[in-house]
């Protein structure tokens, strides 16, 4: 009976460590979901427009899916490599920067035919917030890839406390 109790306790400890390691990447999953649904909504709105402008948000959706797959895999293969995540957020950042330039040069009807002149500031704010999130996540990904994030230290301390 004692062996069974020790085995159950060891299983709980391992599950706790695995969950904590997976939660290290929680912000990436939430922001990726936000980008995914924003890009999907934008793509659906562009379907009614003539031309292939919907391909940009569709490509960004594929990037978001790749990032989500990498993040989901962190549960089974916990490591600090974030290759797809970092690449995906650089792509999203470059797209947002390009779209800000499109707005500044007055070609906003091409990518946002559904907005009027008064709503341009809303789109600009959304793009700027997206750029800020991309930069924040690139910084966090760099810290994680070098095991310099605060959550890594907490995880190590937690592992020590379980022994």
N, C-alpha and C. Protein backbone atom coordinates (compact mmCIF):
# COMPACT_ATOMS: atom_id res chain seq x y z
N UNK A 1 0.82 -1.19 0.00
CA UNK A 1 0.00 0.00 0.00
C UNK A 1 0.86 1.25 0.00
N UNK A 2 1.98 1.19 0.73
CA UNK A 2 2.87 2.34 0.80
C UNK A 2 3.48 2.63 -0.57
N UNK A 3 3.83 1.60 -1.32
CA UNK A 3 4.40 1.78 -2.66
C UNK A 3 3.40 2.46 -3.59
N UNK A 4 2.14 2.07 -3.47
CA UNK A 4 1.09 2.67 -4.31
C UNK A 4 0.93 4.15 -3.96
N UNK A 5 0.96 4.47 -2.69
CA UNK A 5 0.83 5.86 -2.25
C UNK A 5 2.00 6.70 -2.74
N UNK A 6 3.20 6.15 -2.67
CA UNK A 6 4.39 6.86 -3.16
C UNK A 6 4.32 7.06 -4.67
N UNK A 7 3.82 6.05 -5.38
CA UNK A 7 3.70 6.15 -6.83
C UNK A 7 2.68 7.24 -7.22
N UNK A 8 1.56 7.29 -6.51
CA UNK A 8 0.55 8.31 -6.77
C UNK A 8 1.11 9.69 -6.46
N UNK A 9 1.82 9.80 -5.34
CA UNK A 9 2.43 11.08 -4.96
C UNK A 9 3.46 11.53 -6.00
N UNK A 10 4.27 10.61 -6.48
CA UNK A 10 5.26 10.93 -7.51
C UNK A 10 4.57 11.37 -8.81
N UNK A 11 3.47 10.71 -9.14
CA UNK A 11 2.70 11.08 -10.33
C UNK A 11 2.13 12.49 -10.22
N UNK A 12 1.65 12.83 -9.03
CA UNK A 12 1.12 14.18 -8.80
C UNK A 12 2.21 15.23 -8.93
N UNK A 13 3.37 14.93 -8.37
CA UNK A 13 4.49 15.87 -8.45
C UNK A 13 4.92 16.07 -9.90
N UNK A 14 5.01 14.97 -10.64
CA UNK A 14 5.40 15.08 -12.06
C UNK A 14 4.37 15.87 -12.85
N UNK A 15 3.08 15.65 -12.57
CA UNK A 15 2.03 16.40 -13.25
C UNK A 15 2.10 17.88 -12.90
N UNK A 16 2.39 18.19 -11.65
CA UNK A 16 2.53 19.59 -11.24
C UNK A 16 3.68 20.26 -11.97
N UNK A 17 4.80 19.58 -12.07
CA UNK A 17 5.96 20.13 -12.77
C UNK A 17 5.65 20.32 -14.25
N UNK A 18 4.99 19.32 -14.84
CA UNK A 18 4.65 19.40 -16.26
C UNK A 18 3.70 20.57 -16.52
N UNK A 19 2.71 20.74 -15.65
CA UNK A 19 1.75 21.84 -15.81
C UNK A 19 2.42 23.19 -15.63
N UNK A 20 3.31 23.29 -14.65
CA UNK A 20 4.02 24.56 -14.45
C UNK A 20 4.90 24.89 -15.65
N UNK A 21 5.58 23.87 -16.19
CA UNK A 21 6.43 24.10 -17.35
C UNK A 21 5.59 24.55 -18.55
N UNK A 22 4.41 23.96 -18.71
CA UNK A 22 3.53 24.33 -19.81
C UNK A 22 2.99 25.75 -19.62
N UNK A 23 2.69 26.13 -18.39
CA UNK A 23 2.16 27.46 -18.12
C UNK A 23 3.20 28.56 -18.31
N UNK A 24 4.44 28.18 -18.43
CA UNK A 24 5.51 29.14 -18.73
C UNK A 24 5.22 29.86 -20.05
N UNK A 25 4.48 29.21 -20.94
CA UNK A 25 4.20 29.73 -22.27
C UNK A 25 2.76 30.25 -22.41
N UNK A 26 2.10 30.47 -21.29
CA UNK A 26 0.68 30.83 -21.31
C UNK A 26 0.39 32.10 -22.09
N UNK A 27 1.18 33.14 -21.92
CA UNK A 27 0.92 34.41 -22.62
C UNK A 27 0.97 34.22 -24.14
N UNK A 28 1.85 33.34 -24.61
CA UNK A 28 1.94 33.09 -26.05
C UNK A 28 0.64 32.48 -26.57
N UNK A 29 0.06 31.57 -25.81
CA UNK A 29 -1.17 30.93 -26.26
C UNK A 29 -2.33 31.92 -26.32
N UNK A 30 -2.43 32.78 -25.32
CA UNK A 30 -3.52 33.76 -25.31
C UNK A 30 -3.38 34.78 -26.44
N UNK A 31 -2.20 35.31 -26.62
CA UNK A 31 -2.00 36.32 -27.67
C UNK A 31 -2.15 35.69 -29.05
N UNK A 32 -1.67 34.46 -29.22
CA UNK A 32 -1.83 33.77 -30.50
C UNK A 32 -3.31 33.58 -30.81
N UNK A 33 -4.10 33.23 -29.81
CA UNK A 33 -5.54 33.08 -30.02
C UNK A 33 -6.16 34.42 -30.43
N UNK A 34 -5.72 35.50 -29.80
CA UNK A 34 -6.22 36.82 -30.18
C UNK A 34 -5.89 37.18 -31.62
N UNK A 35 -4.63 36.95 -32.01
CA UNK A 35 -4.24 37.21 -33.40
C UNK A 35 -5.01 36.30 -34.35
N UNK A 36 -5.18 35.04 -33.98
CA UNK A 36 -5.89 34.09 -34.84
C UNK A 36 -7.30 34.59 -35.14
N UNK A 37 -8.05 34.93 -34.12
CA UNK A 37 -9.44 35.34 -34.34
C UNK A 37 -9.53 36.72 -35.01
N UNK A 38 -8.60 37.61 -34.73
CA UNK A 38 -8.59 38.90 -35.41
C UNK A 38 -8.32 38.72 -36.90
N UNK A 39 -7.31 37.91 -37.22
CA UNK A 39 -6.98 37.67 -38.63
C UNK A 39 -8.09 36.91 -39.35
N UNK A 40 -8.75 35.97 -38.64
CA UNK A 40 -9.84 35.22 -39.26
C UNK A 40 -11.01 36.14 -39.56
N UNK A 41 -11.37 37.00 -38.62
CA UNK A 41 -12.47 37.94 -38.82
C UNK A 41 -12.16 38.87 -39.99
N UNK A 42 -10.94 39.37 -40.04
CA UNK A 42 -10.51 40.26 -41.12
C UNK A 42 -10.56 39.54 -42.46
N UNK A 43 -10.13 38.28 -42.50
CA UNK A 43 -10.17 37.50 -43.73
C UNK A 43 -11.61 37.33 -44.22
N UNK A 44 -12.53 37.00 -43.30
CA UNK A 44 -13.92 36.83 -43.69
C UNK A 44 -14.51 38.13 -44.24
N UNK A 45 -14.13 39.25 -43.66
CA UNK A 45 -14.63 40.53 -44.16
C UNK A 45 -14.08 40.84 -45.55
N UNK A 46 -12.89 40.37 -45.86
CA UNK A 46 -12.30 40.63 -47.18
C UNK A 46 -12.79 39.66 -48.26
N UNK A 47 -13.46 38.58 -47.88
CA UNK A 47 -13.97 37.64 -48.88
C UNK A 47 -14.94 38.32 -49.84
N UNK A 48 -15.67 39.31 -49.38
CA UNK A 48 -16.62 40.00 -50.23
C UNK A 48 -15.98 40.99 -51.19
N UNK A 49 -14.73 41.23 -51.06
CA UNK A 49 -14.00 42.19 -51.89
C UNK A 49 -13.42 41.47 -53.10
N UNK A 50 -13.44 42.14 -54.23
CA UNK A 50 -12.80 41.56 -55.41
C UNK A 50 -11.29 41.63 -55.24
N UNK A 51 -10.62 40.64 -55.72
CA UNK A 51 -9.17 40.58 -55.58
C UNK A 51 -8.76 39.54 -54.56
N UNK A 52 -7.49 39.42 -54.39
CA UNK A 52 -6.94 38.39 -53.51
C UNK A 52 -6.41 38.97 -52.20
N UNK A 53 -6.99 40.08 -51.76
CA UNK A 53 -6.52 40.73 -50.54
C UNK A 53 -6.71 39.87 -49.30
N UNK A 54 -7.64 38.94 -49.36
CA UNK A 54 -7.89 38.05 -48.23
C UNK A 54 -6.72 37.10 -47.99
N UNK A 55 -5.80 36.99 -48.94
CA UNK A 55 -4.67 36.08 -48.77
C UNK A 55 -3.72 36.52 -47.65
N UNK A 56 -3.60 37.82 -47.41
CA UNK A 56 -2.72 38.27 -46.32
C UNK A 56 -3.23 37.77 -44.97
N UNK A 57 -4.49 38.03 -44.60
CA UNK A 57 -4.93 37.47 -43.32
C UNK A 57 -4.96 35.94 -43.31
N UNK A 58 -5.19 35.32 -44.48
CA UNK A 58 -5.16 33.86 -44.54
C UNK A 58 -3.75 33.34 -44.25
N UNK A 59 -2.74 34.01 -44.81
CA UNK A 59 -1.35 33.62 -44.54
C UNK A 59 -1.02 33.82 -43.06
N UNK A 60 -1.50 34.91 -42.49
CA UNK A 60 -1.27 35.15 -41.06
C UNK A 60 -1.99 34.10 -40.20
N UNK A 61 -3.13 33.62 -40.67
CA UNK A 61 -3.82 32.54 -39.96
C UNK A 61 -2.97 31.28 -39.95
N UNK A 62 -2.35 30.97 -41.08
CA UNK A 62 -1.47 29.79 -41.14
C UNK A 62 -0.29 29.94 -40.19
N UNK A 63 0.24 31.15 -40.11
CA UNK A 63 1.33 31.41 -39.16
C UNK A 63 0.83 31.20 -37.73
N UNK A 64 -0.36 31.71 -37.43
CA UNK A 64 -0.93 31.53 -36.09
C UNK A 64 -1.14 30.06 -35.76
N UNK A 65 -1.57 29.28 -36.74
CA UNK A 65 -1.76 27.85 -36.52
C UNK A 65 -0.43 27.17 -36.23
N UNK A 66 0.61 27.53 -36.98
CA UNK A 66 1.94 26.95 -36.74
C UNK A 66 2.43 27.28 -35.32
N UNK A 67 2.22 28.52 -34.90
CA UNK A 67 2.62 28.93 -33.54
C UNK A 67 1.82 28.14 -32.51
N UNK A 68 0.52 27.98 -32.73
CA UNK A 68 -0.33 27.25 -31.79
C UNK A 68 0.09 25.78 -31.69
N UNK A 69 0.46 25.19 -32.82
CA UNK A 69 0.91 23.79 -32.80
C UNK A 69 2.20 23.67 -31.99
N UNK A 70 3.14 24.60 -32.22
CA UNK A 70 4.38 24.55 -31.45
C UNK A 70 4.10 24.72 -29.96
N UNK A 71 3.21 25.64 -29.61
CA UNK A 71 2.90 25.87 -28.20
C UNK A 71 2.20 24.67 -27.57
N UNK A 72 1.31 24.03 -28.30
CA UNK A 72 0.63 22.85 -27.78
C UNK A 72 1.62 21.72 -27.54
N UNK A 73 2.59 21.59 -28.42
CA UNK A 73 3.61 20.56 -28.27
C UNK A 73 4.48 20.73 -27.04
N UNK A 74 4.49 21.92 -26.46
CA UNK A 74 5.30 22.17 -25.26
C UNK A 74 4.82 21.34 -24.07
N UNK A 75 3.57 20.89 -24.10
CA UNK A 75 3.08 20.08 -22.99
C UNK A 75 3.78 18.72 -22.97
N UNK A 76 3.94 18.13 -24.15
CA UNK A 76 4.54 16.80 -24.23
C UNK A 76 6.05 16.84 -24.35
N UNK A 77 6.56 17.90 -24.93
CA UNK A 77 8.01 18.05 -25.10
C UNK A 77 8.44 19.40 -24.53
N UNK A 78 8.50 19.50 -23.21
CA UNK A 78 8.87 20.80 -22.62
C UNK A 78 10.34 21.14 -22.90
N UNK A 79 10.53 22.21 -23.60
CA UNK A 79 11.88 22.74 -23.83
C UNK A 79 11.74 24.24 -24.02
N UNK A 80 12.84 24.91 -24.17
CA UNK A 80 12.79 26.37 -24.30
C UNK A 80 12.97 26.84 -25.74
N UNK A 81 12.93 25.94 -26.70
CA UNK A 81 13.07 26.34 -28.10
C UNK A 81 11.74 26.89 -28.61
N UNK A 82 11.78 28.08 -29.17
CA UNK A 82 10.57 28.75 -29.65
C UNK A 82 10.76 29.24 -31.09
N UNK A 83 11.28 28.39 -31.93
CA UNK A 83 11.62 28.79 -33.30
C UNK A 83 10.40 29.29 -34.07
N UNK A 84 9.34 28.48 -34.13
CA UNK A 84 8.15 28.89 -34.88
C UNK A 84 7.46 30.08 -34.22
N UNK A 85 7.45 30.10 -32.91
CA UNK A 85 6.80 31.20 -32.20
C UNK A 85 7.49 32.53 -32.51
N UNK A 86 8.81 32.54 -32.40
CA UNK A 86 9.54 33.78 -32.67
C UNK A 86 9.40 34.20 -34.13
N UNK A 87 9.50 33.25 -35.04
CA UNK A 87 9.33 33.56 -36.46
C UNK A 87 7.93 34.08 -36.73
N UNK A 88 6.94 33.43 -36.14
CA UNK A 88 5.55 33.84 -36.35
C UNK A 88 5.27 35.25 -35.88
N UNK A 89 5.82 35.61 -34.73
CA UNK A 89 5.59 36.96 -34.23
C UNK A 89 6.38 38.00 -35.01
N UNK A 90 7.54 37.64 -35.56
CA UNK A 90 8.26 38.57 -36.45
C UNK A 90 7.44 38.81 -37.72
N UNK A 91 6.83 37.75 -38.24
CA UNK A 91 6.00 37.89 -39.45
C UNK A 91 4.79 38.78 -39.15
N UNK A 92 4.13 38.54 -38.02
CA UNK A 92 2.98 39.37 -37.64
C UNK A 92 3.41 40.82 -37.46
N UNK A 93 4.56 41.05 -36.83
CA UNK A 93 5.07 42.41 -36.63
C UNK A 93 5.35 43.09 -37.96
N UNK A 94 6.01 42.39 -38.87
CA UNK A 94 6.31 42.96 -40.19
C UNK A 94 5.02 43.28 -40.95
N UNK A 95 4.03 42.41 -40.85
CA UNK A 95 2.74 42.65 -41.51
C UNK A 95 2.06 43.88 -40.93
N UNK A 96 2.05 43.99 -39.61
CA UNK A 96 1.42 45.15 -38.99
C UNK A 96 2.15 46.44 -39.37
N UNK A 97 3.48 46.39 -39.39
CA UNK A 97 4.24 47.58 -39.78
C UNK A 97 3.92 47.96 -41.23
N UNK A 98 3.85 46.98 -42.11
CA UNK A 98 3.52 47.25 -43.51
C UNK A 98 2.12 47.83 -43.64
N UNK A 99 1.20 47.31 -42.85
CA UNK A 99 -0.18 47.80 -42.91
C UNK A 99 -0.30 49.21 -42.35
N UNK A 100 0.51 49.57 -41.38
CA UNK A 100 0.54 50.95 -40.90
C UNK A 100 1.01 51.86 -42.03
N UNK A 101 2.03 51.43 -42.77
CA UNK A 101 2.52 52.22 -43.91
C UNK A 101 1.43 52.35 -44.97
N UNK A 102 0.69 51.27 -45.22
CA UNK A 102 -0.42 51.31 -46.18
C UNK A 102 -1.42 52.37 -45.75
N UNK A 103 -1.72 52.42 -44.46
CA UNK A 103 -2.66 53.43 -43.96
C UNK A 103 -2.11 54.83 -44.13
N UNK A 104 -0.84 55.02 -43.80
CA UNK A 104 -0.25 56.35 -43.87
C UNK A 104 -0.18 56.88 -45.30
N UNK A 105 -0.06 55.98 -46.26
CA UNK A 105 -0.01 56.40 -47.66
C UNK A 105 -1.39 56.43 -48.31
N UNK A 106 -2.44 56.20 -47.53
CA UNK A 106 -3.80 56.37 -48.01
C UNK A 106 -4.38 55.22 -48.81
N UNK A 107 -3.82 54.03 -48.69
CA UNK A 107 -4.35 52.87 -49.41
C UNK A 107 -5.17 51.96 -48.50
N UNK A 108 -5.75 52.54 -47.47
CA UNK A 108 -6.45 51.73 -46.49
C UNK A 108 -7.71 51.08 -47.04
N UNK A 109 -8.33 51.61 -48.05
CA UNK A 109 -9.53 51.00 -48.63
C UNK A 109 -9.20 49.65 -49.27
N UNK A 110 -7.94 49.45 -49.63
CA UNK A 110 -7.53 48.18 -50.23
C UNK A 110 -7.70 47.04 -49.24
N UNK A 111 -7.24 47.23 -48.02
CA UNK A 111 -7.28 46.16 -47.02
C UNK A 111 -8.43 46.28 -46.03
N UNK A 112 -9.04 47.45 -45.96
CA UNK A 112 -10.17 47.65 -45.06
C UNK A 112 -11.29 48.39 -45.80
N UNK A 113 -11.92 47.74 -46.76
CA UNK A 113 -12.98 48.42 -47.52
C UNK A 113 -14.23 48.67 -46.68
N UNK A 114 -14.30 48.08 -45.53
CA UNK A 114 -15.48 48.16 -44.68
C UNK A 114 -15.42 49.30 -43.67
N UNK A 115 -14.35 50.11 -43.67
CA UNK A 115 -14.27 51.20 -42.70
C UNK A 115 -14.41 52.54 -43.40
N UNK A 116 -14.86 53.52 -42.64
CA UNK A 116 -14.92 54.88 -43.17
C UNK A 116 -13.74 55.67 -42.62
N UNK A 117 -13.63 56.91 -43.02
CA UNK A 117 -12.48 57.72 -42.63
C UNK A 117 -12.38 57.92 -41.11
N UNK A 118 -13.53 57.98 -40.44
CA UNK A 118 -13.50 58.18 -39.00
C UNK A 118 -13.00 56.93 -38.26
N UNK A 119 -13.13 55.77 -38.86
CA UNK A 119 -12.74 54.52 -38.20
C UNK A 119 -11.28 54.15 -38.43
N UNK A 120 -10.57 54.93 -39.21
CA UNK A 120 -9.17 54.62 -39.48
C UNK A 120 -8.34 54.60 -38.20
N UNK A 121 -8.65 55.48 -37.29
CA UNK A 121 -7.86 55.53 -36.05
C UNK A 121 -8.02 54.24 -35.24
N UNK A 122 -9.20 53.62 -35.30
CA UNK A 122 -9.41 52.35 -34.59
C UNK A 122 -8.50 51.27 -35.17
N UNK A 123 -8.45 51.19 -36.49
CA UNK A 123 -7.59 50.19 -37.15
C UNK A 123 -6.13 50.48 -36.83
N UNK A 124 -5.75 51.75 -36.85
CA UNK A 124 -4.37 52.12 -36.54
C UNK A 124 -4.01 51.71 -35.10
N UNK A 125 -4.92 51.94 -34.17
CA UNK A 125 -4.68 51.55 -32.78
C UNK A 125 -4.54 50.03 -32.66
N UNK A 126 -5.41 49.30 -33.35
CA UNK A 126 -5.33 47.83 -33.32
C UNK A 126 -3.98 47.36 -33.86
N UNK A 127 -3.53 47.96 -34.95
CA UNK A 127 -2.23 47.58 -35.52
C UNK A 127 -1.08 47.91 -34.57
N UNK A 128 -1.14 49.08 -33.95
CA UNK A 128 -0.07 49.48 -33.02
C UNK A 128 -0.06 48.60 -31.77
N UNK A 129 -1.23 48.25 -31.26
CA UNK A 129 -1.29 47.34 -30.11
C UNK A 129 -0.73 45.98 -30.50
N UNK A 130 -1.08 45.51 -31.70
CA UNK A 130 -0.53 44.25 -32.20
C UNK A 130 0.98 44.28 -32.31
N UNK A 131 1.51 45.41 -32.78
CA UNK A 131 2.97 45.55 -32.87
C UNK A 131 3.60 45.52 -31.48
N UNK A 132 2.98 46.20 -30.54
CA UNK A 132 3.50 46.19 -29.17
C UNK A 132 3.49 44.79 -28.57
N UNK A 133 2.41 44.05 -28.81
CA UNK A 133 2.34 42.67 -28.31
C UNK A 133 3.41 41.80 -28.95
N UNK A 134 3.62 41.98 -30.25
CA UNK A 134 4.67 41.20 -30.93
C UNK A 134 6.04 41.48 -30.33
N UNK A 135 6.33 42.74 -30.09
CA UNK A 135 7.63 43.09 -29.50
C UNK A 135 7.76 42.53 -28.09
N UNK A 136 6.70 42.63 -27.29
CA UNK A 136 6.72 42.07 -25.95
C UNK A 136 6.97 40.56 -25.98
N UNK A 137 6.29 39.87 -26.88
CA UNK A 137 6.43 38.42 -26.94
C UNK A 137 7.78 38.00 -27.51
N UNK A 138 8.33 38.79 -28.41
CA UNK A 138 9.69 38.49 -28.89
C UNK A 138 10.69 38.60 -27.74
N UNK A 139 10.51 39.62 -26.91
CA UNK A 139 11.38 39.80 -25.76
C UNK A 139 11.23 38.64 -24.78
N UNK A 140 9.97 38.26 -24.49
CA UNK A 140 9.71 37.13 -23.58
C UNK A 140 10.26 35.83 -24.16
N UNK A 141 10.11 35.63 -25.46
CA UNK A 141 10.62 34.40 -26.10
C UNK A 141 12.13 34.34 -26.00
N UNK A 142 12.78 35.48 -26.15
CA UNK A 142 14.24 35.51 -26.04
C UNK A 142 14.66 35.15 -24.61
N UNK A 143 13.97 35.70 -23.62
CA UNK A 143 14.28 35.36 -22.23
C UNK A 143 14.07 33.87 -21.96
N UNK A 144 12.97 33.34 -22.46
CA UNK A 144 12.68 31.92 -22.25
C UNK A 144 13.71 31.04 -22.95
N UNK A 145 14.08 31.39 -24.16
CA UNK A 145 15.04 30.57 -24.91
C UNK A 145 16.41 30.55 -24.24
N UNK A 146 16.69 31.56 -23.43
CA UNK A 146 17.96 31.61 -22.69
C UNK A 146 17.78 31.22 -21.22
N UNK A 147 16.59 30.72 -20.87
CA UNK A 147 16.25 30.35 -19.49
C UNK A 147 16.53 31.48 -18.50
N UNK A 148 16.19 32.70 -18.89
CA UNK A 148 16.39 33.86 -18.03
C UNK A 148 15.07 34.47 -17.55
N UNK A 149 13.95 33.82 -17.84
CA UNK A 149 12.66 34.35 -17.42
C UNK A 149 12.41 34.01 -15.95
N UNK A 150 11.55 34.80 -15.32
CA UNK A 150 11.24 34.62 -13.90
C UNK A 150 10.54 33.28 -13.66
N UNK A 151 9.72 32.87 -14.60
CA UNK A 151 8.96 31.64 -14.43
C UNK A 151 9.88 30.42 -14.38
N UNK A 152 10.99 30.47 -15.11
CA UNK A 152 11.95 29.36 -15.08
C UNK A 152 12.54 29.21 -13.69
N UNK A 153 12.88 30.32 -13.07
CA UNK A 153 13.43 30.27 -11.70
C UNK A 153 12.39 29.72 -10.74
N UNK A 154 11.13 30.14 -10.87
CA UNK A 154 10.07 29.61 -10.02
C UNK A 154 9.91 28.11 -10.22
N UNK A 155 10.00 27.67 -11.46
CA UNK A 155 9.89 26.24 -11.77
C UNK A 155 11.04 25.46 -11.13
N UNK A 156 12.24 25.99 -11.22
CA UNK A 156 13.39 25.32 -10.60
C UNK A 156 13.24 25.27 -9.08
N UNK A 157 12.80 26.36 -8.48
CA UNK A 157 12.58 26.39 -7.03
C UNK A 157 11.49 25.39 -6.62
N UNK A 158 10.45 25.29 -7.44
CA UNK A 158 9.37 24.35 -7.15
C UNK A 158 9.88 22.91 -7.22
N UNK A 159 10.71 22.61 -8.21
CA UNK A 159 11.28 21.26 -8.33
C UNK A 159 12.12 20.92 -7.10
N UNK A 160 12.90 21.88 -6.64
CA UNK A 160 13.74 21.66 -5.45
C UNK A 160 12.86 21.43 -4.22
N UNK A 161 11.77 22.18 -4.11
CA UNK A 161 10.90 22.05 -2.94
C UNK A 161 10.19 20.70 -2.88
N UNK A 162 10.03 20.05 -4.02
CA UNK A 162 9.35 18.76 -4.05
C UNK A 162 10.26 17.60 -3.62
N UNK A 163 11.54 17.85 -3.56
CA UNK A 163 12.47 16.75 -3.22
C UNK A 163 12.69 16.61 -1.75
